[in-house]
């Protein structure tokens, strides 16, 4: 019984990540490493599979990427 309570607490401390575009649940949790995620865009965040596969046609994603590119060019990082 104690093991069940411990696992439940750990589960609740590590909630499921939401898509930054549509707000749906993704397949990943907050404490999952970014290197192992497939639909993560650095600087934007975690996307669900459908938003990530439609990233070229989805306006909010394009706006975020343009904003990030513009910010990086202003800071002359790239």
Protein backbone atom coordinates (compact mmCIF):
# COMPACT_ATOMS: atom_id res chain seq x y z
CA UNK A 1 0.00 0.00 0.00
CA UNK A 2 2.85 2.41 0.81
CA UNK A 3 4.45 1.74 -2.57
CA UNK A 4 1.19 2.61 -4.31
CA UNK A 5 0.94 5.93 -2.43
CA UNK A 6 4.56 6.75 -3.24
CA UNK A 7 4.06 6.09 -6.96
CA UNK A 8 0.84 8.11 -6.96
CA UNK A 9 2.65 11.10 -5.42
CA UNK A 10 5.45 10.83 -7.99
CA UNK A 11 2.87 10.60 -10.78
CA UNK A 12 1.06 13.72 -9.57
CA UNK A 13 4.31 15.69 -9.26
CA UNK A 14 5.10 14.99 -12.92
CA UNK A 15 1.98 15.98 -14.91
CA UNK A 16 1.49 15.44 -18.63
CA UNK A 17 2.81 18.22 -20.82
CA UNK A 18 0.28 20.21 -22.87
CA UNK A 19 0.72 21.21 -26.51
CA UNK A 20 1.80 24.86 -26.78
CA UNK A 21 -0.32 25.29 -29.90
CA UNK A 22 -3.67 23.60 -29.19
CA UNK A 23 -3.49 22.76 -25.47
CA UNK A 24 -4.09 19.01 -25.85
CA UNK A 25 -2.19 16.44 -23.82
CA UNK A 26 1.04 15.20 -25.36
CA UNK A 27 2.76 11.85 -24.96
CA UNK A 28 5.37 13.34 -22.62
CA UNK A 29 5.63 14.43 -19.00
CA UNK A 30 7.32 17.57 -17.64
CA UNK A 31 10.34 15.71 -16.28
CA UNK A 32 11.02 13.79 -19.53
CA UNK A 33 14.31 14.78 -21.13
CA UNK A 34 14.01 17.09 -24.11
CA UNK A 35 16.54 15.04 -26.08
CA UNK A 36 14.20 12.05 -26.12
CA UNK A 37 11.13 13.95 -27.34
CA UNK A 38 10.17 13.87 -31.01
CA UNK A 39 7.77 16.80 -31.25
CA UNK A 40 9.70 19.42 -29.28
CA UNK A 41 10.86 22.66 -30.92
CA UNK A 42 13.59 24.48 -29.05
CA UNK A 43 12.45 27.97 -28.12
CA UNK A 44 8.78 27.16 -28.71
CA UNK A 45 8.04 24.16 -26.55
CA UNK A 46 6.29 20.80 -26.74
CA UNK A 47 3.75 20.11 -29.50
CA UNK A 48 1.32 17.25 -29.93
CA UNK A 49 1.95 14.98 -32.90
CA UNK A 50 -0.79 16.51 -35.07
CA UNK A 51 0.37 20.12 -34.54
CA UNK A 52 4.01 19.15 -35.03
CA UNK A 53 3.28 17.36 -38.29
CA UNK A 54 1.28 20.39 -39.52
CA UNK A 55 3.82 22.96 -38.39
CA UNK A 56 4.24 24.47 -41.86
CA UNK A 57 0.53 25.24 -42.22
CA UNK A 58 -0.32 26.24 -38.65
CA UNK A 59 -0.27 30.02 -38.17
CA UNK A 60 0.58 30.21 -34.43
CA UNK A 61 3.64 28.00 -34.91
CA UNK A 62 4.87 30.03 -37.87
CA UNK A 63 4.39 33.24 -35.90
CA UNK A 64 6.40 31.83 -32.97
CA UNK A 65 9.20 30.65 -35.22
CA UNK A 66 9.34 34.01 -37.03
CA UNK A 67 9.38 35.83 -33.70
CA UNK A 68 12.21 33.67 -32.43
CA UNK A 69 14.19 34.08 -35.67
CA UNK A 70 13.66 37.85 -35.52
CA UNK A 71 14.75 37.96 -31.87
CA UNK A 72 17.87 35.91 -32.59
CA UNK A 73 18.78 38.15 -35.52
CA UNK A 74 18.41 41.23 -33.32
CA UNK A 75 20.65 39.66 -30.71
CA UNK A 76 22.95 38.46 -33.52
CA UNK A 77 23.12 34.95 -32.13
CA UNK A 78 22.77 33.23 -35.49
